[in-house]
Amino acid sequence: MNDYRIDMVEDDAEVREALVDLIDLLDGFQCGVVVDAMETYLWETRKTMTADAVLMDIGLPGMSGIEGTRVLRAKYPDLKVVMITINKDSTNIFEALRAGASGYIHKSAGMAQLKGFLELIRAGGAPMSPQIATQVVSFFHPEPAAPKENKLSDRERQVVAAIVEGLSYKQVGARLCISIGTVCSHITNIYKKLAIHSKAELMQKSYRGEL
């Protein structure tokens, strides 16, 4: 049985060397092309792709690891690309997965854990560090949104409703049996509470259901 060949695109020399040392110590695995930029990797593999999997950093100089993953998966649909990064940002995680990444490993993983991840890759699995898995689970099962704070008083809401209907300040005062000065005072408080500065913004918030 041939060794499982792993290429690597990683711009951190220490991380790169540690991973190469680990892979070289594992039975059944072999390090292939190891470079520090995606452009270099594409040049090195322009004629032939011999890797079974690629360990890919996200924060690469030049072309990002996410874009590199997208390019590789388009050219080699069966190639496994596993992100290895310090980045736990959920946007990057899902952008990488959408680009075709087969897994997402955090660089804080210990050597024993990395060994398990590499074996999982070879077995056809999709390795994911616990920190990353937590982000994924949180994405699909977000915390319930906190109830909106009821910022406006009942009277202020009545003023807003009248303004949205198109009533003038004088008409608002007549409807609510208050003076124009009191209407203006309510308007000032409403704008301050909602952090807005115009009637147009007030109406937009009302139409969007943000009051």
N, C-alpha and C. Protein backbone atom coordinates (compact mmCIF):
# COMPACT_ATOMS: atom_id res chain seq x y z
N MET A 1 0.85 -1.20 0.00
CA MET A 1 0.00 0.00 0.00
C MET A 1 0.89 1.25 0.00
N ASN A 2 0.62 2.17 -0.90
CA ASN A 2 1.42 3.39 -0.99
C ASN A 2 1.18 4.29 0.20
N ASP A 3 2.22 5.06 0.56
CA ASP A 3 2.06 6.04 1.63
C ASP A 3 1.05 7.09 1.24
N TYR A 4 0.35 7.61 2.23
CA TYR A 4 -0.62 8.68 2.02
C TYR A 4 0.16 9.99 1.95
N ARG A 5 0.09 10.66 0.81
CA ARG A 5 0.93 11.83 0.56
C ARG A 5 0.20 13.11 0.96
N ILE A 6 0.87 13.90 1.78
CA ILE A 6 0.30 15.16 2.26
C ILE A 6 1.19 16.32 1.84
N ASP A 7 0.63 17.26 1.09
CA ASP A 7 1.32 18.50 0.76
C ASP A 7 0.95 19.56 1.80
N MET A 8 1.69 20.64 1.80
CA MET A 8 1.44 21.66 2.81
C MET A 8 1.70 23.05 2.27
N VAL A 9 0.76 23.97 2.56
CA VAL A 9 0.95 25.38 2.24
C VAL A 9 0.81 26.15 3.55
N GLU A 10 1.94 26.55 4.11
CA GLU A 10 1.98 27.17 5.44
C GLU A 10 3.12 28.17 5.48
N ASP A 11 2.81 29.43 5.84
CA ASP A 11 3.86 30.45 5.80
C ASP A 11 4.61 30.61 7.12
N ASP A 12 4.17 29.96 8.18
CA ASP A 12 4.88 30.00 9.45
C ASP A 12 5.92 28.89 9.47
N ALA A 13 7.20 29.27 9.44
CA ALA A 13 8.28 28.29 9.32
C ALA A 13 8.28 27.28 10.47
N GLU A 14 8.03 27.73 11.69
CA GLU A 14 8.05 26.83 12.84
C GLU A 14 6.94 25.80 12.76
N VAL A 15 5.74 26.26 12.41
CA VAL A 15 4.60 25.35 12.27
C VAL A 15 4.87 24.36 11.14
N ARG A 16 5.37 24.89 10.04
CA ARG A 16 5.67 24.06 8.88
C ARG A 16 6.66 22.95 9.22
N GLU A 17 7.74 23.31 9.89
CA GLU A 17 8.77 22.33 10.23
C GLU A 17 8.25 21.29 11.22
N ALA A 18 7.44 21.75 12.19
CA ALA A 18 6.88 20.82 13.18
C ALA A 18 5.96 19.80 12.51
N LEU A 19 5.16 20.25 11.56
CA LEU A 19 4.25 19.35 10.87
C LEU A 19 5.01 18.37 9.97
N VAL A 20 6.03 18.86 9.30
CA VAL A 20 6.85 17.98 8.46
C VAL A 20 7.49 16.90 9.32
N ASP A 21 8.04 17.28 10.48
CA ASP A 21 8.65 16.31 11.38
C ASP A 21 7.64 15.26 11.84
N LEU A 22 6.42 15.72 12.17
CA LEU A 22 5.39 14.80 12.62
C LEU A 22 5.01 13.81 11.52
N ILE A 23 4.78 14.33 10.34
CA ILE A 23 4.36 13.46 9.23
C ILE A 23 5.45 12.44 8.90
N ASP A 24 6.69 12.87 8.95
CA ASP A 24 7.80 11.97 8.64
C ASP A 24 7.92 10.83 9.66
N LEU A 25 7.42 11.05 10.87
CA LEU A 25 7.51 10.03 11.91
C LEU A 25 6.37 9.01 11.85
N LEU A 26 5.34 9.33 11.10
CA LEU A 26 4.17 8.47 11.06
C LEU A 26 4.27 7.42 9.96
N ASP A 27 3.99 6.18 10.31
CA ASP A 27 3.96 5.11 9.32
C ASP A 27 2.80 5.34 8.36
N GLY A 28 3.05 5.15 7.08
CA GLY A 28 1.99 5.24 6.09
C GLY A 28 1.75 6.63 5.56
N PHE A 29 2.52 7.61 6.05
CA PHE A 29 2.35 8.99 5.58
C PHE A 29 3.65 9.49 4.97
N GLN A 30 3.52 10.41 4.05
CA GLN A 30 4.70 10.98 3.39
C GLN A 30 4.45 12.45 3.10
N CYS A 31 5.43 13.29 3.39
CA CYS A 31 5.34 14.71 3.05
C CYS A 31 5.69 14.89 1.57
N GLY A 32 4.88 15.68 0.88
CA GLY A 32 5.17 15.96 -0.52
C GLY A 32 5.68 17.38 -0.67
N VAL A 33 4.98 18.17 -1.44
CA VAL A 33 5.35 19.57 -1.67
C VAL A 33 5.04 20.38 -0.41
N VAL A 34 6.03 21.12 0.06
CA VAL A 34 5.85 21.97 1.25
C VAL A 34 6.33 23.38 0.89
N VAL A 35 5.39 24.33 0.87
CA VAL A 35 5.72 25.70 0.45
C VAL A 35 5.05 26.70 1.37
N ASP A 36 5.39 27.99 1.19
CA ASP A 36 4.86 29.02 2.07
C ASP A 36 3.86 29.96 1.41
N ALA A 37 3.48 29.68 0.17
CA ALA A 37 2.51 30.54 -0.52
C ALA A 37 1.71 29.73 -1.54
N MET A 38 0.47 30.13 -1.73
CA MET A 38 -0.41 29.41 -2.64
C MET A 38 0.08 29.52 -4.09
N GLU A 39 0.57 30.68 -4.46
CA GLU A 39 1.05 30.86 -5.82
C GLU A 39 2.21 29.89 -6.12
N THR A 40 3.08 29.71 -5.13
CA THR A 40 4.20 28.77 -5.30
C THR A 40 3.69 27.36 -5.45
N TYR A 41 2.68 27.03 -4.65
CA TYR A 41 2.13 25.67 -4.71
C TYR A 41 1.50 25.38 -6.08
N LEU A 42 0.76 26.34 -6.59
CA LEU A 42 0.14 26.14 -7.91
C LEU A 42 1.21 25.97 -8.99
N TRP A 43 2.32 26.67 -8.86
CA TRP A 43 3.40 26.54 -9.82
C TRP A 43 4.06 25.16 -9.69
N GLU A 44 4.30 24.73 -8.46
CA GLU A 44 4.97 23.45 -8.22
C GLU A 44 4.13 22.26 -8.71
N THR A 45 2.82 22.43 -8.66
CA THR A 45 1.93 21.32 -9.04
C THR A 45 1.26 21.54 -10.40
N ARG A 46 1.81 22.46 -11.18
CA ARG A 46 1.15 22.82 -12.44
C ARG A 46 1.07 21.66 -13.43
N LYS A 47 2.04 20.74 -13.37
CA LYS A 47 2.06 19.64 -14.33
C LYS A 47 1.37 18.39 -13.81
N THR A 48 1.49 18.17 -12.52
CA THR A 48 0.88 16.96 -11.97
C THR A 48 0.56 17.18 -10.50
N MET A 49 -0.52 16.54 -10.03
CA MET A 49 -0.91 16.60 -8.63
C MET A 49 -0.79 15.20 -8.06
N THR A 50 0.14 15.01 -7.14
CA THR A 50 0.37 13.68 -6.58
C THR A 50 -0.10 13.57 -5.13
N ALA A 51 -0.58 14.67 -4.57
CA ALA A 51 -1.00 14.66 -3.16
C ALA A 51 -2.36 14.01 -2.99
N ASP A 52 -2.54 13.37 -1.84
CA ASP A 52 -3.87 12.86 -1.45
C ASP A 52 -4.62 13.93 -0.65
N ALA A 53 -3.85 14.76 0.05
CA ALA A 53 -4.45 15.82 0.86
C ALA A 53 -3.48 16.99 0.96
N VAL A 54 -4.03 18.17 1.22
CA VAL A 54 -3.22 19.37 1.39
C VAL A 54 -3.60 20.02 2.71
N LEU A 55 -2.61 20.29 3.55
CA LEU A 55 -2.82 21.09 4.74
C LEU A 55 -2.63 22.55 4.34
N MET A 56 -3.64 23.36 4.59
CA MET A 56 -3.67 24.72 4.04
C MET A 56 -3.89 25.76 5.14
N ASP A 57 -2.97 26.71 5.24
CA ASP A 57 -3.17 27.84 6.15
C ASP A 57 -4.15 28.81 5.50
N ILE A 58 -4.87 29.58 6.33
CA ILE A 58 -5.80 30.58 5.78
C ILE A 58 -5.07 31.88 5.50
N GLY A 59 -4.32 32.38 6.49
CA GLY A 59 -3.69 33.69 6.36
C GLY A 59 -2.39 33.66 5.61
N LEU A 60 -2.45 33.34 4.35
CA LEU A 60 -1.24 33.25 3.53
C LEU A 60 -0.93 34.60 2.87
N PRO A 61 0.33 34.86 2.56
CA PRO A 61 0.66 36.06 1.78
C PRO A 61 0.12 35.88 0.36
N GLY A 62 -0.33 36.93 -0.23
CA GLY A 62 -0.89 36.80 -1.59
C GLY A 62 -2.26 36.13 -1.54
N MET A 63 -2.44 35.11 -2.36
CA MET A 63 -3.72 34.40 -2.40
C MET A 63 -4.01 33.75 -1.05
N SER A 64 -5.22 33.97 -0.54
CA SER A 64 -5.57 33.40 0.76
C SER A 64 -5.78 31.89 0.66
N GLY A 65 -5.73 31.24 1.81
CA GLY A 65 -5.97 29.81 1.83
C GLY A 65 -7.37 29.44 1.38
N ILE A 66 -8.33 30.32 1.67
CA ILE A 66 -9.71 30.05 1.25
C ILE A 66 -9.82 30.08 -0.27
N GLU A 67 -9.25 31.10 -0.89
CA GLU A 67 -9.29 31.17 -2.35
C GLU A 67 -8.47 30.03 -2.95
N GLY A 68 -7.34 29.70 -2.32
CA GLY A 68 -6.53 28.58 -2.79
C GLY A 68 -7.29 27.28 -2.74
N THR A 69 -8.06 27.09 -1.68
CA THR A 69 -8.90 25.89 -1.55
C THR A 69 -9.92 25.83 -2.67
N ARG A 70 -10.52 26.97 -2.96
CA ARG A 70 -11.52 27.02 -4.03
C ARG A 70 -10.90 26.64 -5.38
N VAL A 71 -9.69 27.14 -5.64
CA VAL A 71 -9.00 26.84 -6.89
C VAL A 71 -8.65 25.36 -6.98
N LEU A 72 -8.10 24.81 -5.91
CA LEU A 72 -7.68 23.41 -5.92
C LEU A 72 -8.87 22.47 -6.06
N ARG A 73 -9.94 22.76 -5.36
CA ARG A 73 -11.11 21.88 -5.42
C ARG A 73 -11.77 21.93 -6.80
N ALA A 74 -11.66 23.08 -7.47
CA ALA A 74 -12.21 23.17 -8.82
C ALA A 74 -11.39 22.32 -9.80
N LYS A 75 -10.06 22.30 -9.61
CA LYS A 75 -9.18 21.53 -10.50
C LYS A 75 -9.13 20.05 -10.14
N TYR A 76 -9.20 19.76 -8.83
CA TYR A 76 -9.05 18.38 -8.35
C TYR A 76 -10.17 18.07 -7.36
N PRO A 77 -11.34 17.70 -7.84
CA PRO A 77 -12.50 17.50 -6.97
C PRO A 77 -12.30 16.46 -5.87
N ASP A 78 -11.42 15.48 -6.10
CA ASP A 78 -11.22 14.42 -5.11
C ASP A 78 -10.14 14.76 -4.08
N LEU A 79 -9.44 15.86 -4.28
CA LEU A 79 -8.37 16.25 -3.37
C LEU A 79 -8.95 16.76 -2.05
N LYS A 80 -8.40 16.28 -0.95
CA LYS A 80 -8.83 16.77 0.36
C LYS A 80 -7.98 17.98 0.74
N VAL A 81 -8.64 19.06 1.12
CA VAL A 81 -7.94 20.25 1.58
C VAL A 81 -8.40 20.51 3.01
N VAL A 82 -7.45 20.47 3.93
CA VAL A 82 -7.77 20.67 5.34
C VAL A 82 -7.11 21.96 5.83
N MET A 83 -7.92 22.87 6.33
CA MET A 83 -7.39 24.14 6.82
C MET A 83 -6.70 23.91 8.15
N ILE A 84 -5.54 24.56 8.33
CA ILE A 84 -4.85 24.52 9.61
C ILE A 84 -4.49 25.95 9.96
N THR A 85 -5.07 26.48 11.05
CA THR A 85 -5.02 27.91 11.27
C THR A 85 -5.18 28.26 12.74
N ILE A 86 -4.84 29.48 13.09
CA ILE A 86 -5.10 29.99 14.44
C ILE A 86 -6.43 30.74 14.47
N ASN A 87 -7.07 30.86 13.31
CA ASN A 87 -8.27 31.69 13.18
C ASN A 87 -9.52 30.90 13.55
N LYS A 88 -10.28 31.41 14.54
CA LYS A 88 -11.52 30.75 14.94
C LYS A 88 -12.75 31.57 14.55
N ASP A 89 -12.55 32.56 13.70
CA ASP A 89 -13.65 33.40 13.28
C ASP A 89 -14.65 32.58 12.46
N SER A 90 -15.93 32.64 12.85
CA SER A 90 -16.94 31.80 12.20
C SER A 90 -17.09 32.12 10.72
N THR A 91 -16.88 33.39 10.35
CA THR A 91 -16.98 33.75 8.93
C THR A 91 -15.94 33.01 8.11
N ASN A 92 -14.69 32.99 8.59
CA ASN A 92 -13.63 32.28 7.88
C ASN A 92 -13.88 30.78 7.85
N ILE A 93 -14.39 30.24 8.94
CA ILE A 93 -14.67 28.81 9.00
C ILE A 93 -15.65 28.42 7.90
N PHE A 94 -16.75 29.15 7.79
CA PHE A 94 -17.77 28.77 6.82
C PHE A 94 -17.39 29.15 5.40
N GLU A 95 -16.60 30.20 5.24
CA GLU A 95 -16.09 30.51 3.91
C GLU A 95 -15.18 29.38 3.43
N ALA A 96 -14.35 28.85 4.33
CA ALA A 96 -13.45 27.75 3.97
C ALA A 96 -14.25 26.50 3.63
N LEU A 97 -15.26 26.20 4.43
CA LEU A 97 -16.07 25.01 4.17
C LEU A 97 -16.84 25.16 2.86
N ARG A 98 -17.33 26.36 2.61
CA ARG A 98 -18.04 26.59 1.34
C ARG A 98 -17.08 26.48 0.15
N ALA A 99 -15.82 26.83 0.38
CA ALA A 99 -14.82 26.75 -0.69
C ALA A 99 -14.44 25.30 -0.99
N GLY A 100 -14.83 24.38 -0.10
CA GLY A 100 -14.55 22.97 -0.35
C GLY A 100 -13.62 22.31 0.63
N ALA A 101 -13.28 23.00 1.73
CA ALA A 101 -12.39 22.41 2.73
C ALA A 101 -13.02 21.16 3.33
N SER A 102 -12.19 20.13 3.55
CA SER A 102 -12.68 18.87 4.11
C SER A 102 -12.54 18.82 5.63
N GLY A 103 -11.94 19.83 6.21
CA GLY A 103 -11.76 19.85 7.65
C GLY A 103 -11.13 21.15 8.08
N TYR A 104 -11.03 21.34 9.40
CA TYR A 104 -10.55 22.61 9.93
C TYR A 104 -9.85 22.33 11.24
N ILE A 105 -8.51 22.43 11.25
CA ILE A 105 -7.71 22.10 12.42
C ILE A 105 -7.11 23.37 13.02
N HIS A 106 -7.26 23.52 14.32
CA HIS A 106 -6.67 24.67 14.99
C HIS A 106 -5.21 24.38 15.32
N LYS A 107 -4.36 25.39 15.18
CA LYS A 107 -2.92 25.19 15.36
C LYS A 107 -2.53 24.91 16.82
N SER A 108 -3.46 25.10 17.74
CA SER A 108 -3.17 24.81 19.14
C SER A 108 -3.26 23.32 19.44
N ALA A 109 -3.70 22.53 18.46
CA ALA A 109 -3.82 21.08 18.68
C ALA A 109 -2.45 20.48 18.99
N GLY A 110 -2.42 19.58 19.95
CA GLY A 110 -1.17 18.91 20.30
C GLY A 110 -0.78 17.89 19.25
N MET A 111 0.45 17.37 19.35
CA MET A 111 0.95 16.44 18.35
C MET A 111 0.13 15.15 18.29
N ALA A 112 -0.29 14.66 19.46
CA ALA A 112 -1.09 13.44 19.49
C ALA A 112 -2.43 13.67 18.77
N GLN A 113 -3.00 14.85 18.99
CA GLN A 113 -4.27 15.18 18.34
C GLN A 113 -4.08 15.34 16.84
N LEU A 114 -2.99 15.98 16.45
CA LEU A 114 -2.71 16.15 15.02
C LEU A 114 -2.51 14.79 14.34
N LYS A 115 -1.85 13.88 15.04
CA LYS A 115 -1.66 12.53 14.50
C LYS A 115 -3.03 11.89 14.24
N GLY A 116 -3.94 12.04 15.21
CA GLY A 116 -5.28 11.50 15.03
C GLY A 116 -6.01 12.14 13.88
N PHE A 117 -5.81 13.46 13.71
CA PHE A 117 -6.45 14.16 12.60
C PHE A 117 -5.94 13.65 11.25
N LEU A 118 -4.63 13.44 11.15
CA LEU A 118 -4.05 12.96 9.90
C LEU A 118 -4.57 11.56 9.57
N GLU A 119 -4.69 10.73 10.57
CA GLU A 119 -5.21 9.39 10.34
C GLU A 119 -6.68 9.43 9.93
N LEU A 120 -7.41 10.39 10.50
CA LEU A 120 -8.81 10.57 10.13
C LEU A 120 -8.93 11.03 8.68
N ILE A 121 -8.03 11.93 8.26
CA ILE A 121 -8.02 12.37 6.86
C ILE A 121 -7.82 11.17 5.94
N ARG A 122 -6.84 10.34 6.27
CA ARG A 122 -6.55 9.18 5.42
C ARG A 122 -7.74 8.22 5.37
N ALA A 123 -8.47 8.12 6.48
CA ALA A 123 -9.62 7.22 6.53
C ALA A 123 -10.85 7.79 5.83
N GLY A 124 -10.72 9.02 5.32
CA GLY A 124 -11.85 9.61 4.60
C GLY A 124 -12.73 10.50 5.45
N GLY A 125 -12.28 10.76 6.69
CA GLY A 125 -13.07 11.60 7.58
C GLY A 125 -12.84 13.07 7.37
N ALA A 126 -13.50 13.87 8.18
CA ALA A 126 -13.39 15.32 8.10
C ALA A 126 -12.97 15.85 9.46
N PRO A 127 -11.66 15.98 9.70
CA PRO A 127 -11.18 16.41 11.02
C PRO A 127 -11.57 17.83 11.35
N MET A 128 -11.89 18.04 12.63
CA MET A 128 -12.26 19.38 13.07
C MET A 128 -11.90 19.52 14.54
N SER A 129 -11.07 20.50 14.84
CA SER A 129 -10.68 20.75 16.23
C SER A 129 -11.90 21.09 17.07
N PRO A 130 -11.87 20.75 18.37
CA PRO A 130 -13.02 21.04 19.24
C PRO A 130 -13.42 22.51 19.22
N GLN A 131 -12.41 23.41 19.20
CA GLN A 131 -12.74 24.84 19.19
C GLN A 131 -13.55 25.22 17.96
N ILE A 132 -13.19 24.59 16.83
CA ILE A 132 -13.88 24.89 15.57
C ILE A 132 -15.26 24.24 15.57
N ALA A 133 -15.34 23.01 16.07
CA ALA A 133 -16.62 22.31 16.12
C ALA A 133 -17.63 23.11 16.95
N THR A 134 -17.15 23.73 18.02
CA THR A 134 -18.03 24.55 18.86
C THR A 134 -18.60 25.71 18.07
N GLN A 135 -17.76 26.32 17.23
CA GLN A 135 -18.23 27.44 16.40
C GLN A 135 -19.30 26.96 15.41
N VAL A 136 -19.08 25.78 14.84
CA VAL A 136 -20.03 25.24 13.87
C VAL A 136 -21.37 24.95 14.54
N VAL A 137 -21.31 24.30 15.71
CA VAL A 137 -22.54 23.99 16.44
C VAL A 137 -23.28 25.27 16.81
N SER A 138 -22.53 26.28 17.25
CA SER A 138 -23.15 27.56 17.63
C SER A 138 -23.84 28.22 16.44
N PHE A 139 -23.26 28.03 15.25
CA PHE A 139 -23.86 28.62 14.05
C PHE A 139 -25.24 28.03 13.78
N PHE A 140 -25.37 26.70 13.94
CA PHE A 140 -26.63 26.04 13.65
C PHE A 140 -27.59 26.07 14.83
N HIS A 141 -27.07 26.30 16.03
CA HIS A 141 -27.91 26.37 17.22
C HIS A 141 -27.54 27.63 18.02
N PRO A 142 -27.83 28.79 17.47
CA PRO A 142 -27.43 30.03 18.13
C PRO A 142 -28.18 30.23 19.44
N GLU A 143 -27.57 31.02 20.33
CA GLU A 143 -28.23 31.38 21.58
C GLU A 143 -29.49 32.19 21.25
N PRO A 144 -30.59 31.95 21.99
CA PRO A 144 -31.80 32.73 21.73
C PRO A 144 -31.51 34.22 21.88
N ALA A 145 -32.04 34.98 20.96
CA ALA A 145 -31.82 36.42 21.01
C ALA A 145 -32.46 37.02 22.25
N ALA A 146 -31.78 37.94 22.86
CA ALA A 146 -32.33 38.60 24.04
C ALA A 146 -33.53 39.45 23.62
N PRO A 147 -34.56 39.46 24.43
CA PRO A 147 -35.74 40.25 24.06
C PRO A 147 -35.37 41.73 23.90
N LYS A 148 -36.00 42.37 22.94
CA LYS A 148 -35.71 43.78 22.69
C LYS A 148 -36.11 44.63 23.90
N GLU A 149 -35.26 45.56 24.22
CA GLU A 149 -35.58 46.49 25.29
C GLU A 149 -36.66 47.45 24.80
N ASN A 150 -37.68 47.61 25.62
CA ASN A 150 -38.77 48.50 25.25
C ASN A 150 -38.36 49.93 25.54
N LYS A 151 -37.70 50.57 24.59
CA LYS A 151 -37.09 51.87 24.83
C LYS A 151 -38.11 53.00 24.93
N LEU A 152 -39.13 52.96 24.12
CA LEU A 152 -40.07 54.07 24.04
C LEU A 152 -41.23 53.89 25.01
N SER A 153 -41.67 55.00 25.60
CA SER A 153 -42.84 54.96 26.47
C SER A 153 -44.10 54.83 25.60
N ASP A 154 -45.22 54.53 26.25
CA ASP A 154 -46.47 54.40 25.50
C ASP A 154 -46.81 55.71 24.78
N ARG A 155 -46.60 56.84 25.46
CA ARG A 155 -46.91 58.13 24.84
C ARG A 155 -45.99 58.38 23.65
N GLU A 156 -44.72 58.03 23.78
CA GLU A 156 -43.76 58.22 22.68
C GLU A 156 -44.14 57.34 21.50
N ARG A 157 -44.64 56.16 21.78
CA ARG A 157 -45.09 55.28 20.68
C ARG A 157 -46.30 55.89 19.97
N GLN A 158 -47.18 56.53 20.73
CA GLN A 158 -48.33 57.18 20.13
C GLN A 158 -47.88 58.33 19.22
N VAL A 159 -46.87 59.04 19.66
CA VAL A 159 -46.32 60.13 18.84
C VAL A 159 -45.71 59.57 17.57
N VAL A 160 -44.93 58.49 17.70
CA VAL A 160 -44.31 57.86 16.52
C VAL A 160 -45.39 57.41 15.54
N ALA A 161 -46.43 56.75 16.05
CA ALA A 161 -47.50 56.25 15.18
C ALA A 161 -48.14 57.39 14.40
N ALA A 162 -48.35 58.51 15.07
CA ALA A 162 -48.97 59.66 14.40
C ALA A 162 -48.05 60.25 13.35
N ILE A 163 -46.75 60.34 13.67
CA ILE A 163 -45.78 60.87 12.72
C ILE A 163 -45.70 59.98 11.48
N VAL A 164 -45.67 58.66 11.71
CA VAL A 164 -45.59 57.71 10.60
C VAL A 164 -46.82 57.82 9.70
N GLU A 165 -47.97 58.15 10.31
CA GLU A 165 -49.19 58.33 9.52
C GLU A 165 -49.11 59.57 8.64
N GLY A 166 -48.17 60.45 8.95
CA GLY A 166 -48.01 61.66 8.15
C GLY A 166 -48.57 62.92 8.79
N LEU A 167 -48.95 62.84 10.06
CA LEU A 167 -49.51 64.00 10.74
C LEU A 167 -48.42 65.02 11.04
N SER A 168 -48.80 66.28 11.01
CA SER A 168 -47.89 67.36 11.40
C SER A 168 -47.80 67.42 12.92
N TYR A 169 -46.82 68.16 13.43
CA TYR A 169 -46.69 68.27 14.88
C TYR A 169 -47.97 68.85 15.50
N LYS A 170 -48.57 69.83 14.80
CA LYS A 170 -49.81 70.43 15.30
C LYS A 170 -50.93 69.39 15.35
N GLN A 171 -51.02 68.56 14.30
CA GLN A 171 -52.06 67.53 14.27
C GLN A 171 -51.81 66.46 15.32
N VAL A 172 -50.52 66.13 15.54
CA VAL A 172 -50.18 65.16 16.58
C VAL A 172 -50.63 65.69 17.94
N GLY A 173 -50.35 66.98 18.21
CA GLY A 173 -50.75 67.59 19.47
C GLY A 173 -52.25 67.56 19.65
N ALA A 174 -52.98 67.87 18.56
CA ALA A 174 -54.44 67.87 18.63
C ALA A 174 -54.97 66.46 18.92
N ARG A 175 -54.41 65.45 18.26
CA ARG A 175 -54.88 64.08 18.48
C ARG A 175 -54.64 63.63 19.92
N LEU A 176 -53.46 63.98 20.46
CA LEU A 176 -53.08 63.47 21.78
C LEU A 176 -53.39 64.46 22.89
N CYS A 177 -54.01 65.60 22.50
CA CYS A 177 -54.39 66.63 23.48
C CYS A 177 -53.18 67.14 24.27
N ILE A 178 -52.12 67.42 23.53
CA ILE A 178 -50.91 67.98 24.14
C ILE A 178 -50.44 69.15 23.28
N SER A 179 -49.61 69.98 23.85
CA SER A 179 -49.13 71.16 23.12
C SER A 179 -48.07 70.77 22.09
N ILE A 180 -47.85 71.68 21.13
CA ILE A 180 -46.81 71.44 20.13
C ILE A 180 -45.45 71.34 20.81
N GLY A 181 -45.24 72.17 21.87
CA GLY A 181 -43.98 72.12 22.60
C GLY A 181 -43.76 70.74 23.22
N THR A 182 -44.82 70.14 23.73
CA THR A 182 -44.71 68.79 24.32
C THR A 182 -44.43 67.76 23.22
N VAL A 183 -45.04 67.94 22.06
CA VAL A 183 -44.78 67.04 20.93
C VAL A 183 -43.29 67.12 20.57
N CYS A 184 -42.78 68.36 20.48
CA CYS A 184 -41.37 68.53 20.13
C CYS A 184 -40.46 67.89 21.18
N SER A 185 -40.85 68.01 22.44
CA SER A 185 -40.07 67.39 23.52
C SER A 185 -40.05 65.88 23.37
N HIS A 186 -41.21 65.30 23.04
CA HIS A 186 -41.29 63.85 22.82
C HIS A 186 -40.42 63.44 21.63
N ILE A 187 -40.48 64.22 20.56
CA ILE A 187 -39.69 63.92 19.37
C ILE A 187 -38.20 63.93 19.70
N THR A 188 -37.78 64.93 20.46
CA THR A 188 -36.36 65.02 20.85
C THR A 188 -35.94 63.79 21.63
N ASN A 189 -36.77 63.36 22.58
CA ASN A 189 -36.46 62.17 23.38
C ASN A 189 -36.44 60.90 22.53
N ILE A 190 -37.38 60.83 21.60
CA ILE A 190 -37.46 59.65 20.72
C ILE A 190 -36.19 59.53 19.87
N TYR A 191 -35.78 60.65 19.27
CA TYR A 191 -34.57 60.65 18.45
C TYR A 191 -33.35 60.25 19.28
N LYS A 192 -33.29 60.78 20.51
CA LYS A 192 -32.15 60.48 21.38
C LYS A 192 -32.12 58.99 21.74
N LYS A 193 -33.26 58.43 22.10
CA LYS A 193 -33.33 57.02 22.48
C LYS A 193 -32.99 56.09 21.32
N LEU A 194 -33.41 56.48 20.13
CA LEU A 194 -33.20 55.62 18.96
C LEU A 194 -31.92 55.93 18.21
N ALA A 195 -31.19 56.95 18.69
CA ALA A 195 -29.94 57.36 18.06
C ALA A 195 -30.14 57.70 16.58
N ILE A 196 -31.17 58.47 16.30
CA ILE A 196 -31.46 58.92 14.94
C ILE A 196 -31.52 60.44 14.94
N HIS A 197 -31.63 61.03 13.72
CA HIS A 197 -31.57 62.48 13.63
C HIS A 197 -32.62 63.06 12.68
N SER A 198 -33.51 62.22 12.17
CA SER A 198 -34.48 62.77 11.22
C SER A 198 -35.76 61.95 11.21
N LYS A 199 -36.79 62.57 10.66
CA LYS A 199 -38.08 61.90 10.50
C LYS A 199 -37.94 60.71 9.56
N ALA A 200 -37.10 60.88 8.53
CA ALA A 200 -36.92 59.79 7.56
C ALA A 200 -36.37 58.53 8.25
N GLU A 201 -35.38 58.73 9.13
CA GLU A 201 -34.81 57.60 9.85
C GLU A 201 -35.84 56.96 10.78
N LEU A 202 -36.67 57.80 11.40
CA LEU A 202 -37.72 57.29 12.27
C LEU A 202 -38.69 56.41 11.49
N MET A 203 -39.08 56.85 10.32
CA MET A 203 -40.03 56.10 9.51
C MET A 203 -39.40 54.80 9.01
N GLN A 204 -38.11 54.85 8.65
CA GLN A 204 -37.43 53.63 8.22
C GLN A 204 -37.41 52.59 9.32
N LYS A 205 -37.12 53.02 10.55
CA LYS A 205 -37.10 52.10 11.68
C LYS A 205 -38.49 51.51 11.91
N SER A 206 -39.50 52.34 11.76
CA SER A 206 -40.87 51.87 11.96
C SER A 206 -41.24 50.83 10.92
N TYR A 207 -40.92 51.09 9.65
CA TYR A 207 -41.24 50.16 8.57
C TYR A 207 -40.50 48.84 8.72
N ARG A 208 -39.26 48.90 9.30
CA ARG A 208 -38.47 47.68 9.49
C ARG A 208 -38.84 46.94 10.78
N GLY A 209 -39.78 47.48 11.54
CA GLY A 209 -40.18 46.83 12.78
C GLY A 209 -39.14 46.90 13.86
N GLU A 210 -38.34 47.98 13.89
CA GLU A 210 -37.23 48.09 14.85
C GLU A 210 -37.58 48.94 16.06
N LEU A 211 -38.85 49.31 16.20
CA LEU A 211 -39.23 50.16 17.33
C LEU A 211 -39.82 49.32 18.46
